Amino acid sequence: MIGISTYCLLEEPLPVALDRLSALTGLIEVVDEGPHFVTDTGLFESYSTDFIFHAPYHGMNIACLFEPIRRASVEVMTDCFTVAAEIGAAVVLHPGYFAWEQEREQADRQFKKSLRELTDFACEHSLTFYFENMGDMNFFNLRTPEDLAIIDGTGFTLDVGHANLNQCLPGFLRKKISHMHIHDNNGKRDTHSTVGEGEIDFAPVMAAQRREKATAVIEVRSFEGVLKSMKALEAL
């Protein structure tokens, strides 16, 4: 079963988005920020759908060299963990970034500190979390398969579009994958396009998803794009 991210309906209130998406799939990934920031888990009680949360990411940096910012970012993540744990949802996280190449080693140490804290908190709350690979943005962690070592065996979310931007999708498809974000692009911009409107060959992507028994969600910009993507993926 392929799920759907609420990303395609961010302009709608979250209850409206959940109603529309739950009619199409049994797995929904909630973008837990902006219009869809979750404050009341009671909203989810009326759905038989499985949920995954995408933790807040704007302004967050769990690898920040400034310790107060790192701690605050971890606190936002653990707040998300607490809410997600109430409804039995896994959580997808961004892996942080550094501002200057000279800061990489120190940022790695900060990330590892955050990873320990997040892992301890997740264990206490019986929660699963995954780190997502980033696009072609300088100084972001986890852009290539070689960067997977930094997450130290934590679950991995393969963002197919991001991997294509870094020209390393085939390498990622050979790795252990827990979850996937599915969207297309032309290899130049992170457009979150409908499946089939870019250059990505999704046959090996779906083969890897089946091999790994990974969950997966369509993460495109529009609801119409979701419907087209579902049809395209069903044909594979």
Protein backbone atom coordinates (compact mmCIF):
# COMPACT_ATOMS: atom_id res chain seq x y z
CA MET A 1 0.00 0.00 0.00
CA ILE A 2 1.27 3.44 -0.95
CA GLY A 3 0.34 6.25 1.42
CA ILE A 4 -0.03 9.98 0.90
CA SER A 5 1.53 13.00 2.61
CA THR A 6 -0.66 15.91 3.67
CA TYR A 7 1.88 18.07 1.82
CA CYS A 8 -0.47 18.06 -1.18
CA LEU A 9 -3.24 19.73 0.86
CA LEU A 10 -1.34 22.15 3.09
CA GLU A 11 -3.70 24.94 2.07
CA GLU A 12 -6.58 23.01 3.66
CA PRO A 13 -7.21 22.60 7.41
CA LEU A 14 -5.78 19.32 8.66
CA PRO A 15 -9.21 17.71 9.34
CA VAL A 16 -10.22 18.39 5.74
CA ALA A 17 -6.94 16.96 4.45
CA LEU A 18 -7.33 13.82 6.56
CA ASP A 19 -10.88 13.26 5.34
CA ARG A 20 -9.87 13.56 1.68
CA LEU A 21 -6.76 11.42 1.97
CA SER A 22 -8.27 8.70 4.16
CA ALA A 23 -10.75 8.04 1.35
CA LEU A 24 -7.81 7.07 -0.88
CA THR A 25 -5.31 5.29 1.37
CA GLY A 26 -4.77 3.59 4.69
CA LEU A 27 -1.48 5.41 5.38
CA ILE A 28 -1.14 9.18 5.81
CA GLU A 29 2.02 11.14 6.61
CA VAL A 30 1.16 14.34 8.48
CA VAL A 31 3.40 17.36 7.87
CA ASP A 32 3.51 18.42 11.51
CA GLU A 33 4.10 22.13 11.08
CA GLY A 34 2.46 25.23 9.67
CA PRO A 35 -1.26 24.74 8.93
CA HIS A 36 -1.01 21.04 9.87
CA PHE A 37 0.82 21.42 13.18
CA VAL A 38 -0.77 18.91 15.56
CA THR A 39 -1.89 20.06 18.99
CA ASP A 40 -4.81 17.69 19.63
CA THR A 41 -4.46 13.94 19.09
CA GLY A 42 -8.22 13.58 19.48
CA LEU A 43 -8.44 14.56 15.83
CA PHE A 44 -7.10 11.13 14.86
CA GLU A 45 -9.49 9.01 16.93
CA SER A 46 -12.14 8.74 14.21
CA TYR A 47 -9.75 7.28 11.60
CA SER A 48 -8.71 3.67 11.09
CA THR A 49 -5.82 4.98 9.01
CA ASP A 50 -2.16 4.41 9.98
CA PHE A 51 -0.18 7.60 10.47
CA ILE A 52 3.41 8.80 10.19
CA PHE A 53 4.46 12.27 11.36
CA HIS A 54 6.97 14.45 9.58
CA ALA A 55 8.51 16.46 12.41
CA PRO A 56 8.80 20.26 12.10
CA TYR A 57 11.81 21.32 10.06
CA HIS A 58 11.68 25.05 9.33
CA GLY A 59 14.14 26.71 11.70
CA MET A 60 15.20 23.38 13.20
CA ASN A 61 18.82 22.21 13.35
CA ILE A 62 19.72 19.28 15.59
CA ALA A 63 23.37 19.63 14.48
CA CYS A 64 23.65 23.31 15.36
CA LEU A 65 26.92 24.45 16.93
CA PHE A 66 25.02 26.89 19.11
CA GLU A 67 24.02 24.67 22.00
CA PRO A 68 20.81 26.55 22.95
CA ILE A 69 19.54 26.18 19.37
CA ARG A 70 20.48 22.49 19.26
CA ARG A 71 18.71 21.83 22.56
CA ALA A 72 15.62 23.76 21.44
CA SER A 73 15.53 21.82 18.16
CA VAL A 74 15.73 18.52 20.03
CA GLU A 75 12.93 19.70 22.32
CA VAL A 76 10.71 20.41 19.30
CA MET A 77 11.48 16.92 18.00
CA THR A 78 10.67 15.27 21.32
CA ASP A 79 7.43 17.25 21.59
CA CYS A 80 6.53 15.77 18.21
CA PHE A 81 7.58 12.32 19.45
CA THR A 82 5.24 12.66 22.42
CA VAL A 83 2.25 13.49 20.25
CA ALA A 84 3.10 10.81 17.68
CA ALA A 85 3.50 8.17 20.37
CA GLU A 86 -0.04 8.82 21.57
CA ILE A 87 -1.43 7.57 18.27
CA GLY A 88 1.27 5.00 17.49
CA ALA A 89 2.86 6.95 14.64
CA ALA A 90 6.49 6.79 13.52
CA VAL A 91 8.30 10.09 12.90
CA VAL A 92 10.49 11.35 10.03
CA LEU A 93 13.24 13.85 10.90
CA HIS A 94 15.65 16.08 9.02
CA PRO A 95 19.29 15.45 10.01
CA GLY A 96 20.50 19.03 10.47
CA TYR A 97 23.20 21.08 8.79
CA PHE A 98 26.32 23.18 9.34
CA ALA A 99 27.09 26.67 8.08
CA TRP A 100 30.76 26.36 7.09
CA GLU A 101 32.84 23.44 5.82
CA GLN A 102 35.32 24.08 8.65
CA GLU A 103 32.53 23.31 11.14
CA ARG A 104 31.69 19.84 9.84
CA GLU A 105 33.44 17.86 12.57
CA GLN A 106 31.97 19.93 15.37
CA ALA A 107 28.51 19.73 13.78
CA ASP A 108 28.90 15.94 13.58
CA ARG A 109 29.53 15.86 17.31
CA GLN A 110 26.46 17.99 17.93
CA PHE A 111 24.37 15.71 15.72
CA LYS A 112 25.58 12.62 17.58
CA LYS A 113 24.65 14.25 20.89
CA SER A 114 21.16 14.95 19.53
CA LEU A 115 20.89 11.42 18.15
CA ARG A 116 21.63 9.94 21.59
CA GLU A 117 19.02 12.15 23.22
CA LEU A 118 16.40 11.39 20.58
CA THR A 119 17.10 7.66 20.71
CA ASP A 120 16.76 7.59 24.50
CA PHE A 121 13.49 9.53 24.35
CA ALA A 122 12.11 7.33 21.57
CA CYS A 123 12.94 4.18 23.55
CA GLU A 124 11.15 5.54 26.60
CA HIS A 125 8.05 6.19 24.50
CA SER A 126 8.24 3.01 22.36
CA LEU A 127 8.48 5.15 19.23
CA THR A 128 10.23 4.60 15.89
CA PHE A 129 11.89 7.44 13.99
CA TYR A 130 13.67 7.74 10.66
CA PHE A 131 16.11 10.25 9.18
CA GLU A 132 15.46 11.59 5.68
CA ASN A 133 18.15 12.24 3.07
CA MET A 134 18.44 15.86 1.98
CA GLY A 135 18.51 17.48 -1.45
CA ASP A 136 21.36 19.30 -3.18
CA MET A 137 21.76 21.94 -0.48
CA ASN A 138 25.30 22.71 0.64
CA PHE A 139 26.21 21.74 4.20
CA PHE A 140 23.17 19.57 4.90
CA ASN A 141 23.84 16.20 6.46
CA LEU A 142 22.84 12.93 4.76
CA ARG A 143 22.90 13.71 1.06
CA THR A 144 24.58 10.57 -0.30
CA PRO A 145 24.65 6.85 0.59
CA GLU A 146 28.11 7.33 2.11
CA ASP A 147 26.58 9.76 4.61
CA LEU A 148 24.34 7.06 6.10
CA ALA A 149 27.07 6.22 8.61
CA ILE A 150 26.19 9.37 10.57
CA ILE A 151 22.75 8.04 11.58
CA ASP A 152 24.38 4.96 13.12
CA GLY A 153 21.79 2.37 12.18
CA THR A 154 18.73 4.54 12.86
CA GLY A 155 15.87 3.97 10.40
CA PHE A 156 16.23 5.66 7.02
CA THR A 157 13.62 7.47 4.94
CA LEU A 158 14.64 7.54 1.28
CA ASP A 159 13.42 10.74 -0.31
CA VAL A 160 13.50 9.67 -3.95
CA GLY A 161 13.42 13.19 -5.37
CA HIS A 162 16.23 14.41 -3.12
CA ALA A 163 18.40 11.45 -4.08
CA ASN A 164 17.85 12.19 -7.76
CA LEU A 165 18.99 15.79 -7.26
CA ASN A 166 22.25 14.47 -5.81
CA GLN A 167 22.59 11.91 -8.64
CA CYS A 168 22.82 9.02 -6.21
CA LEU A 169 19.41 7.33 -6.28
CA PRO A 170 20.75 3.95 -7.49
CA GLY A 171 23.18 3.84 -4.58
CA PHE A 172 20.45 4.58 -2.05
CA LEU A 173 18.21 1.90 -3.57
CA ARG A 174 20.80 -0.73 -2.59
CA LYS A 175 20.64 0.30 1.09
CA LYS A 176 18.32 -0.69 3.91
CA ILE A 177 15.21 1.49 3.68
CA SER A 178 12.47 1.87 6.28
CA HIS A 179 10.25 4.46 4.60
CA MET A 180 10.06 6.41 1.31
CA HIS A 181 8.97 9.82 0.08
CA ILE A 182 7.93 9.49 -3.56
CA HIS A 183 7.99 12.45 -5.96
CA ASP A 184 9.58 13.32 -9.28
CA ASN A 185 11.88 16.05 -10.65
CA ASN A 186 14.15 16.86 -13.58
CA GLY A 187 17.37 16.48 -11.58
CA LYS A 188 17.82 20.24 -11.24
CA ARG A 189 15.13 21.56 -8.86
CA ASP A 190 13.26 20.04 -5.92
CA THR A 191 9.84 20.48 -7.54
CA HIS A 192 7.99 17.60 -5.83
CA SER A 193 6.45 16.87 -9.20
CA THR A 194 3.88 14.24 -10.09
CA VAL A 195 5.29 10.78 -10.80
CA GLY A 196 6.01 10.61 -14.53
CA GLU A 197 6.52 14.34 -15.03
CA GLY A 198 10.27 14.21 -14.34
CA GLU A 199 13.18 11.98 -15.25
CA ILE A 200 13.08 9.38 -12.44
CA ASP A 201 12.61 5.73 -13.35
CA PHE A 202 10.25 4.48 -10.64
CA ALA A 203 10.39 0.79 -11.56
CA PRO A 204 13.60 0.17 -9.52
CA VAL A 205 12.27 2.46 -6.78
CA MET A 206 9.16 0.35 -6.31
CA ALA A 207 11.19 -2.85 -6.59
CA ALA A 208 13.36 -1.64 -3.69
CA GLN A 209 10.27 -0.65 -1.71
CA ARG A 210 8.83 -4.15 -2.10
CA ARG A 211 12.18 -5.79 -1.32
CA GLU A 212 12.62 -3.80 1.89
CA LYS A 213 8.92 -3.99 2.81
CA ALA A 214 9.23 -0.26 3.41
CA THR A 215 6.31 2.05 3.97
CA ALA A 216 6.02 4.78 1.36
CA VAL A 217 4.03 7.96 0.78
CA ILE A 218 3.47 10.13 -2.26
CA GLU A 219 4.78 13.62 -1.48
CA VAL A 220 3.79 15.82 -4.44
CA ARG A 221 2.58 19.40 -4.50
CA SER A 222 -1.06 18.95 -5.53
CA PHE A 223 -3.99 16.65 -4.84
CA GLU A 224 -4.44 16.14 -8.59
CA GLY A 225 -0.78 15.14 -8.73
CA VAL A 226 -1.41 12.54 -6.04
CA LEU A 227 -4.18 10.95 -8.10
CA LYS A 228 -1.99 10.87 -11.22
CA SER A 229 0.98 9.51 -9.23
CA MET A 230 -1.13 6.73 -7.72
CA LYS A 231 -2.26 5.67 -11.17
CA ALA A 232 1.31 5.74 -12.53
CA LEU A 233 2.67 3.68 -9.63
CA GLU A 234 -0.12 1.11 -9.90
CA ALA A 235 1.02 0.42 -13.44
CA LEU A 236 4.51 -0.64 -12.30
